[in-house]
């Protein structure tokens, strides 16, 4: 589905420099990955690159396979074809932001269904089903500011799933949830991935939950370089 080779992103200089290096990453349908590592190691940066919202500085290969054929993401970045990148993102991906990212002027119902409306998809009952599964049915006609932090995060998960994306990216989707809801939300995300033959990559601080959920582990390890900056390298854990 997605294939990366020698992808690198650098921010800052000198002692303030941070570099993320992905030597190799292949994501396939049905894969369930958890990205783990210490706070500040770049988990969110990695997800932003995979979500096509942050351009890498260098990449040997960055491809995304669709039903219409492989899309050369690296070439789109180089040519500045942001509308094409946005089209791939909106049709193929679901993204759970760490902050929820809900629109305050829309109801919960309209927030969840937003991606389907943008894509011109009819209402197939997914909004109601996901709201029930995530226990936010009673909140559907409320605005996000009336919800608890945990409820907002569950609504964000529903919004990311409602259009059946082929790649689900989630940035700390259970961080604001109590342990029981954390297990419930993670179970739902992984169940939807399996049912629809999709792939998910979840950045999480809860490595124990990821392992208990049967996810494969991608670890970001950081080292201090000679210039005082930090390089984080992504490695699959055997």
C-alpha atoms as a PDB file:
ATOM      1  CA  UNK A   1       0.000   0.000   0.000  1.00  0.00           C
ATOM      2  CA  UNK A   2       2.719   2.480   0.977  1.00  0.00           C
ATOM      3  CA  UNK A   3       6.451   2.070   0.453  1.00  0.00           C
ATOM      4  CA  UNK A   4       9.191   4.363   1.769  1.00  0.00           C
ATOM      5  CA  UNK A   5      12.940   4.166   1.256  1.00  0.00           C
ATOM      6  CA  UNK A   6      15.545   6.496   2.788  1.00  0.00           C
ATOM      7  CA  UNK A   7      13.103   9.210   3.803  1.00  0.00           C
ATOM      8  CA  UNK A   8      14.519  12.021   5.899  1.00  0.00           C
ATOM      9  CA  UNK A   9      13.072  15.125   7.545  1.00  0.00           C
ATOM     10  CA  UNK A  10      15.138  17.717   9.447  1.00  0.00           C
ATOM     11  CA  UNK A  11      14.034  20.643  11.563  1.00  0.00           C
ATOM     12  CA  UNK A  12      16.271  23.261  13.190  1.00  0.00           C
ATOM     13  CA  UNK A  13      20.039  23.530  13.284  1.00  0.00           C
ATOM     14  CA  UNK A  14      22.911  22.752  15.624  1.00  0.00           C
ATOM     15  CA  UNK A  15      21.815  21.720  19.102  1.00  0.00           C
ATOM     16  CA  UNK A  16      18.221  22.495  18.124  1.00  0.00           C
ATOM     17  CA  UNK A  17      18.322  20.139  15.141  1.00  0.00           C
ATOM     18  CA  UNK A  18      15.992  17.169  14.988  1.00  0.00           C
ATOM     19  CA  UNK A  19      16.194  14.643  12.137  1.00  0.00           C
ATOM     20  CA  UNK A  20      13.850  11.754  11.420  1.00  0.00           C
ATOM     21  CA  UNK A  21      15.232   8.924   9.294  1.00  0.00           C
ATOM     22  CA  UNK A  22      13.105   6.144   7.806  1.00  0.00           C
ATOM     23  CA  UNK A  23      15.431   3.782   5.970  1.00  0.00           C
ATOM     24  CA  UNK A  24      12.663   1.370   5.011  1.00  0.00           C
ATOM     25  CA  UNK A  25       8.935   1.106   5.688  1.00  0.00           C
ATOM     26  CA  UNK A  26       6.374  -0.999   3.835  1.00  0.00           C
ATOM     27  CA  UNK A  27       2.712  -0.806   4.821  1.00  0.00           C
ATOM     28  CA  UNK A  28       0.323  -3.450   3.510  1.00  0.00           C
ATOM     29  CA  UNK A  29      -3.422  -4.018   3.725  1.00  0.00           C
ATOM     30  CA  UNK A  30      -4.323  -5.553   7.063  1.00  0.00           C
ATOM     31  CA  UNK A  31      -1.159  -4.367   8.824  1.00  0.00           C
ATOM     32  CA  UNK A  32      -1.595  -3.008  12.344  1.00  0.00           C
ATOM     33  CA  UNK A  33       1.415  -0.989  13.459  1.00  0.00           C
ATOM     34  CA  UNK A  34       2.108   0.847  16.708  1.00  0.00           C
ATOM     35  CA  UNK A  35       4.792   3.556  16.662  1.00  0.00           C
ATOM     36  CA  UNK A  36       6.378   3.786  20.099  1.00  0.00           C
ATOM     37  CA  UNK A  37       9.218   5.758  21.593  1.00  0.00           C
ATOM     38  CA  UNK A  38       9.984   8.403  24.224  1.00  0.00           C
ATOM     39  CA  UNK A  39       8.125  11.708  24.316  1.00  0.00           C
ATOM     40  CA  UNK A  40       9.442  14.102  21.682  1.00  0.00           C
ATOM     41  CA  UNK A  41      11.042  11.371  19.568  1.00  0.00           C
ATOM     42  CA  UNK A  42       9.040  12.294  16.472  1.00  0.00           C
ATOM     43  CA  UNK A  43       6.007  10.004  16.450  1.00  0.00           C
ATOM     44  CA  UNK A  44       3.728  12.851  15.338  1.00  0.00           C
ATOM     45  CA  UNK A  45       6.253  13.963  12.718  1.00  0.00           C
ATOM     46  CA  UNK A  46       6.261  10.476  11.216  1.00  0.00           C
ATOM     47  CA  UNK A  47       2.459  10.412  11.034  1.00  0.00           C
ATOM     48  CA  UNK A  48       2.383  13.842   9.371  1.00  0.00           C
ATOM     49  CA  UNK A  49       4.746  12.555   6.674  1.00  0.00           C
ATOM     50  CA  UNK A  50       2.671   9.399   6.155  1.00  0.00           C
ATOM     51  CA  UNK A  51      -0.480  11.580   6.001  1.00  0.00           C
ATOM     52  CA  UNK A  52       1.101  13.660   3.209  1.00  0.00           C
ATOM     53  CA  UNK A  53       0.808  16.900   5.189  1.00  0.00           C
ATOM     54  CA  UNK A  54       4.544  17.275   5.873  1.00  0.00           C
ATOM     55  CA  UNK A  55       7.027  17.006   3.024  1.00  0.00           C
ATOM     56  CA  UNK A  56      10.283  15.090   3.542  1.00  0.00           C
ATOM     57  CA  UNK A  57      13.575  16.802   2.731  1.00  0.00           C
ATOM     58  CA  UNK A  58      14.932  13.743   0.964  1.00  0.00           C
ATOM     59  CA  UNK A  59      13.448  10.453  -0.163  1.00  0.00           C
ATOM     60  CA  UNK A  60      14.631   7.708  -2.453  1.00  0.00           C
ATOM     61  CA  UNK A  61      11.136   6.257  -2.768  1.00  0.00           C
ATOM     62  CA  UNK A  62       7.710   7.267  -1.467  1.00  0.00           C
ATOM     63  CA  UNK A  63       4.822   5.489  -3.189  1.00  0.00           C
ATOM     64  CA  UNK A  64       1.171   4.872  -2.410  1.00  0.00           C
ATOM     65  CA  UNK A  65      -0.751   2.118  -4.181  1.00  0.00           C
ATOM     66  CA  UNK A  66      -4.363   2.859  -5.134  1.00  0.00           C
ATOM     67  CA  UNK A  67      -6.921   0.890  -7.133  1.00  0.00           C
ATOM     68  CA  UNK A  68      -5.966   3.029 -10.134  1.00  0.00           C
ATOM     69  CA  UNK A  69      -2.261   2.249  -9.759  1.00  0.00           C
ATOM     70  CA  UNK A  70       0.778   3.417  -7.812  1.00  0.00           C
ATOM     71  CA  UNK A  71       1.097   7.122  -7.015  1.00  0.00           C
ATOM     72  CA  UNK A  72       4.637   8.523  -6.886  1.00  0.00           C
ATOM     73  CA  UNK A  73       4.306  10.681  -3.780  1.00  0.00           C
ATOM     74  CA  UNK A  74       7.944  11.784  -3.919  1.00  0.00           C
ATOM     75  CA  UNK A  75       7.414  13.189  -7.410  1.00  0.00           C
ATOM     76  CA  UNK A  76       4.231  15.019  -6.328  1.00  0.00           C
ATOM     77  CA  UNK A  77       6.124  16.679  -3.475  1.00  0.00           C
ATOM     78  CA  UNK A  78       8.979  17.699  -5.772  1.00  0.00           C
ATOM     79  CA  UNK A  79       6.566  19.219  -8.302  1.00  0.00           C
ATOM     80  CA  UNK A  80       4.479  20.942  -5.648  1.00  0.00           C
ATOM     81  CA  UNK A  81       1.268  19.172  -6.680  1.00  0.00           C
ATOM     82  CA  UNK A  82      -0.481  19.771  -3.375  1.00  0.00           C
ATOM     83  CA  UNK A  83      -4.003  19.344  -4.776  1.00  0.00           C
ATOM     84  CA  UNK A  84      -3.134  15.809  -5.949  1.00  0.00           C
ATOM     85  CA  UNK A  85      -1.623  15.045  -2.548  1.00  0.00           C
ATOM     86  CA  UNK A  86      -4.785  16.347  -0.873  1.00  0.00           C
ATOM     87  CA  UNK A  87      -6.920  14.134  -3.129  1.00  0.00           C
ATOM     88  CA  UNK A  88      -4.955  11.026  -2.160  1.00  0.00           C
ATOM     89  CA  UNK A  89      -5.196  11.998   1.502  1.00  0.00           C
ATOM     90  CA  UNK A  90      -8.955  12.679   1.500  1.00  0.00           C
ATOM     91  CA  UNK A  91      -9.928   9.570  -0.470  1.00  0.00           C
ATOM     92  CA  UNK A  92      -7.480   7.037   0.903  1.00  0.00           C
ATOM     93  CA  UNK A  93      -6.720   8.059   4.495  1.00  0.00           C
ATOM     94  CA  UNK A  94      -8.332   8.660   7.851  1.00  0.00           C
ATOM     95  CA  UNK A  95      -6.434  10.704  10.433  1.00  0.00           C
ATOM     96  CA  UNK A  96      -7.094  10.916  14.168  1.00  0.00           C
ATOM     97  CA  UNK A  97      -5.350  14.032  15.449  1.00  0.00           C
ATOM     98  CA  UNK A  98      -3.898  14.072  18.950  1.00  0.00           C
ATOM     99  CA  UNK A  99      -6.017  17.149  19.754  1.00  0.00           C
ATOM    100  CA  UNK A 100      -9.173  15.743  18.167  1.00  0.00           C
ATOM    101  CA  UNK A 101      -9.322  18.448  15.498  1.00  0.00           C
ATOM    102  CA  UNK A 102     -13.120  18.789  15.555  1.00  0.00           C
ATOM    103  CA  UNK A 103     -14.845  21.821  14.033  1.00  0.00           C
ATOM    104  CA  UNK A 104     -16.528  23.781  16.830  1.00  0.00           C
ATOM    105  CA  UNK A 105     -19.289  25.197  14.601  1.00  0.00           C
ATOM    106  CA  UNK A 106     -20.517  21.738  13.531  1.00  0.00           C
ATOM    107  CA  UNK A 107     -22.510  19.271  15.592  1.00  0.00           C
ATOM    108  CA  UNK A 108     -20.997  15.939  16.507  1.00  0.00           C
ATOM    109  CA  UNK A 109     -23.169  14.316  13.828  1.00  0.00           C
ATOM    110  CA  UNK A 110     -21.868  16.688  11.155  1.00  0.00           C
ATOM    111  CA  UNK A 111     -18.264  16.386  12.364  1.00  0.00           C
ATOM    112  CA  UNK A 112     -18.385  12.611  12.051  1.00  0.00           C
ATOM    113  CA  UNK A 113     -20.011  12.695   8.633  1.00  0.00           C
ATOM    114  CA  UNK A 114     -17.835  15.485   7.230  1.00  0.00           C
ATOM    115  CA  UNK A 115     -15.457  13.320   5.188  1.00  0.00           C
ATOM    116  CA  UNK A 116     -18.325  11.423   3.549  1.00  0.00           C
ATOM    117  CA  UNK A 117     -20.004  14.692   2.523  1.00  0.00           C
ATOM    118  CA  UNK A 118     -16.747  16.110   1.156  1.00  0.00           C
ATOM    119  CA  UNK A 119     -16.279  12.950  -0.907  1.00  0.00           C
ATOM    120  CA  UNK A 120     -19.892  13.002  -2.128  1.00  0.00           C
ATOM    121  CA  UNK A 121     -20.767   9.715  -0.444  1.00  0.00           C
ATOM    122  CA  UNK A 122     -24.368   9.049   0.569  1.00  0.00           C
ATOM    123  CA  UNK A 123     -25.403   8.438   4.167  1.00  0.00           C
ATOM    124  CA  UNK A 124     -25.138   4.679   4.625  1.00  0.00           C
ATOM    125  CA  UNK A 125     -25.764   4.691   8.371  1.00  0.00           C
ATOM    126  CA  UNK A 126     -22.069   4.704   9.286  1.00  0.00           C
ATOM    127  CA  UNK A 127     -22.387   7.849  11.395  1.00  0.00           C
ATOM    128  CA  UNK A 128     -25.025   6.306  13.632  1.00  0.00           C
ATOM    129  CA  UNK A 129     -23.287   2.933  13.860  1.00  0.00           C
ATOM    130  CA  UNK A 130     -19.922   4.428  14.797  1.00  0.00           C
ATOM    131  CA  UNK A 131     -21.531   6.787  17.296  1.00  0.00           C
ATOM    132  CA  UNK A 132     -23.197   3.803  18.960  1.00  0.00           C
ATOM    133  CA  UNK A 133     -20.020   1.731  18.995  1.00  0.00           C
ATOM    134  CA  UNK A 134     -18.072   4.601  20.547  1.00  0.00           C
ATOM    135  CA  UNK A 135     -20.911   5.493  22.937  1.00  0.00           C
ATOM    136  CA  UNK A 136     -21.471   9.065  21.734  1.00  0.00           C
ATOM    137  CA  UNK A 137     -24.991   8.624  20.347  1.00  0.00           C
ATOM    138  CA  UNK A 138     -26.434  10.972  22.979  1.00  0.00           C
ATOM    139  CA  UNK A 139     -23.936  13.635  21.917  1.00  0.00           C
ATOM    140  CA  UNK A 140     -24.781  13.656  18.187  1.00  0.00           C
ATOM    141  CA  UNK A 141     -26.691  16.956  18.254  1.00  0.00           C
ATOM    142  CA  UNK A 142     -24.247  18.734  20.561  1.00  0.00           C
ATOM    143  CA  UNK A 143     -21.296  20.924  19.614  1.00  0.00           C
ATOM    144  CA  UNK A 144     -17.756  19.742  20.472  1.00  0.00           C
ATOM    145  CA  UNK A 145     -17.341  22.318  23.259  1.00  0.00           C
ATOM    146  CA  UNK A 146     -20.103  20.544  25.189  1.00  0.00           C
ATOM    147  CA  UNK A 147     -18.161  17.265  25.236  1.00  0.00           C
ATOM    148  CA  UNK A 148     -15.530  15.930  27.580  1.00  0.00           C
ATOM    149  CA  UNK A 149     -11.982  15.488  26.295  1.00  0.00           C
ATOM    150  CA  UNK A 150     -12.507  11.742  26.046  1.00  0.00           C
ATOM    151  CA  UNK A 151     -15.773  12.154  24.139  1.00  0.00           C
ATOM    152  CA  UNK A 152     -14.144  14.515  21.654  1.00  0.00           C
ATOM    153  CA  UNK A 153     -11.397  11.985  21.036  1.00  0.00           C
ATOM    154  CA  UNK A 154     -13.933   9.229  20.394  1.00  0.00           C
ATOM    155  CA  UNK A 155     -15.793  11.487  17.956  1.00  0.00           C
ATOM    156  CA  UNK A 156     -12.502  12.148  16.177  1.00  0.00           C
ATOM    157  CA  UNK A 157     -11.965   8.393  15.844  1.00  0.00           C
ATOM    158  CA  UNK A 158     -15.450   7.990  14.360  1.00  0.00           C
ATOM    159  CA  UNK A 159     -14.809  10.774  11.842  1.00  0.00           C
ATOM    160  CA  UNK A 160     -11.559   9.128  10.710  1.00  0.00           C
ATOM    161  CA  UNK A 161     -13.303   5.791  10.139  1.00  0.00           C
ATOM    162  CA  UNK A 162     -16.617   6.835   8.594  1.00  0.00           C
ATOM    163  CA  UNK A 163     -15.465   6.838   4.939  1.00  0.00           C
ATOM    164  CA  UNK A 164     -13.682   3.448   5.223  1.00  0.00           C
ATOM    165  CA  UNK A 165     -10.135   4.654   4.535  1.00  0.00           C
ATOM    166  CA  UNK A 166      -7.491   2.259   3.237  1.00  0.00           C
ATOM    167  CA  UNK A 167      -4.903   3.754   5.604  1.00  0.00           C
ATOM    168  CA  UNK A 168      -5.824   4.860   9.120  1.00  0.00           C
ATOM    169  CA  UNK A 169      -3.356   7.072  10.983  1.00  0.00           C
ATOM    170  CA  UNK A 170      -3.968   7.825  14.656  1.00  0.00           C
ATOM    171  CA  UNK A 171      -1.884  10.091  16.899  1.00  0.00           C
ATOM    172  CA  UNK A 172      -2.294   9.013  20.536  1.00  0.00           C
ATOM    173  CA  UNK A 173      -5.992   8.104  20.049  1.00  0.00           C
ATOM    174  CA  UNK A 174      -6.349   6.712  23.588  1.00  0.00           C
ATOM    175  CA  UNK A 175      -4.240   9.238  25.529  1.00  0.00           C
ATOM    176  CA  UNK A 176      -7.279  11.152  26.875  1.00  0.00           C
ATOM    177  CA  UNK A 177      -9.322   8.034  27.663  1.00  0.00           C
ATOM    178  CA  UNK A 178      -9.700   6.015  30.834  1.00  0.00           C
ATOM    179  CA  UNK A 179      -8.304   2.454  30.650  1.00  0.00           C
ATOM    180  CA  UNK A 180     -11.644   0.807  29.810  1.00  0.00           C
ATOM    181  CA  UNK A 181     -12.461   3.273  27.021  1.00  0.00           C
ATOM    182  CA  UNK A 182      -8.871   3.076  25.766  1.00  0.00           C
ATOM    183  CA  UNK A 183      -9.230  -0.672  25.256  1.00  0.00           C
ATOM    184  CA  UNK A 184     -12.669  -0.208  23.634  1.00  0.00           C
ATOM    185  CA  UNK A 185     -11.468   2.454  21.191  1.00  0.00           C
ATOM    186  CA  UNK A 186      -8.329   0.548  20.228  1.00  0.00           C
ATOM    187  CA  UNK A 187     -10.372  -2.618  19.697  1.00  0.00           C
ATOM    188  CA  UNK A 188     -12.813  -0.757  17.444  1.00  0.00           C
ATOM    189  CA  UNK A 189     -10.045   0.832  15.366  1.00  0.00           C
ATOM    190  CA  UNK A 190      -8.338  -2.500  14.795  1.00  0.00           C
ATOM    191  CA  UNK A 191     -11.605  -4.299  14.127  1.00  0.00           C
ATOM    192  CA  UNK A 192     -12.554  -1.795  11.412  1.00  0.00           C
ATOM    193  CA  UNK A 193      -9.104  -2.173   9.858  1.00  0.00           C
ATOM    194  CA  UNK A 194      -9.520  -5.940   9.687  1.00  0.00           C
ATOM    195  CA  UNK A 195     -13.094  -5.792   8.372  1.00  0.00           C
ATOM    196  CA  UNK A 196     -12.194  -3.433   5.523  1.00  0.00           C
ATOM    197  CA  UNK A 197      -8.771  -4.842   4.671  1.00  0.00           C
ATOM    198  CA  UNK A 198      -7.154  -1.525   5.553  1.00  0.00           C
ATOM    199  CA  UNK A 199      -3.891  -0.687   7.283  1.00  0.00           C
ATOM    200  CA  UNK A 200      -3.407   1.336  10.451  1.00  0.00           C
ATOM    201  CA  UNK A 201      -0.451   3.114  12.023  1.00  0.00           C
ATOM    202  CA  UNK A 202      -1.018   4.274  15.582  1.00  0.00           C
ATOM    203  CA  UNK A 203       1.403   6.500  17.488  1.00  0.00           C
ATOM    204  CA  UNK A 204       1.019   5.678  21.148  1.00  0.00           C
ATOM    205  CA  UNK A 205       2.663   6.084  24.535  1.00  0.00           C
ATOM    206  CA  UNK A 206       0.836   2.957  25.721  1.00  0.00           C
ATOM    207  CA  UNK A 207       3.105   0.206  24.448  1.00  0.00           C
ATOM    208  CA  UNK A 208       1.457  -2.326  26.731  1.00  0.00           C
ATOM    209  CA  UNK A 209      -1.976  -1.702  25.178  1.00  0.00           C
ATOM    210  CA  UNK A 210      -0.475  -1.921  21.692  1.00  0.00           C
ATOM    211  CA  UNK A 211       1.149  -5.269  22.434  1.00  0.00           C
ATOM    212  CA  UNK A 212      -1.953  -6.661  24.138  1.00  0.00           C
ATOM    213  CA  UNK A 213      -3.948  -5.598  21.054  1.00  0.00           C
ATOM    214  CA  UNK A 214      -1.651  -7.697  18.861  1.00  0.00           C
ATOM    215  CA  UNK A 215      -0.060  -4.771  17.021  1.00  0.00           C
ATOM    216  CA  UNK A 216       3.375  -4.946  15.445  1.00  0.00           C
ATOM    217  CA  UNK A 217       5.869  -2.505  16.899  1.00  0.00           C
ATOM    218  CA  UNK A 218       7.781   0.254  15.109  1.00  0.00           C
ATOM    219  CA  UNK A 219      10.226   1.912  17.485  1.00  0.00           C
ATOM    220  CA  UNK A 220      11.751   5.364  17.180  1.00  0.00           C
ATOM    221  CA  UNK A 221      15.212   5.421  18.774  1.00  0.00           C
ATOM    222  CA  UNK A 222      16.962   8.752  19.326  1.00  0.00           C
ATOM    223  CA  UNK A 223      20.708   9.410  19.466  1.00  0.00           C
ATOM    224  CA  UNK A 224      22.605  12.628  20.209  1.00  0.00           C
ATOM    225  CA  UNK A 225      24.894  13.553  17.308  1.00  0.00           C
ATOM    226  CA  UNK A 226      28.284  15.305  17.299  1.00  0.00           C
ATOM    227  CA  UNK A 227      26.685  18.697  16.536  1.00  0.00           C
ATOM    228  CA  UNK A 228      24.429  18.367  19.564  1.00  0.00           C
ATOM    229  CA  UNK A 229      21.330  17.662  17.486  1.00  0.00           C
ATOM    230  CA  UNK A 230      19.179  14.547  17.655  1.00  0.00           C
ATOM    231  CA  UNK A 231      18.526  11.884  15.032  1.00  0.00           C
ATOM    232  CA  UNK A 232      15.566   9.540  15.404  1.00  0.00           C
ATOM    233  CA  UNK A 233      15.594   6.306  13.403  1.00  0.00           C
ATOM    234  CA  UNK A 234      12.579   4.103  12.776  1.00  0.00           C
ATOM    235  CA  UNK A 235      13.106   0.396  13.246  1.00  0.00           C
ATOM    236  CA  UNK A 236      10.718  -2.551  13.113  1.00  0.00           C
ATOM    237  CA  UNK A 237      10.920  -4.606  16.277  1.00  0.00           C
ATOM    238  CA  UNK A 238      11.303  -8.330  15.658  1.00  0.00           C
END
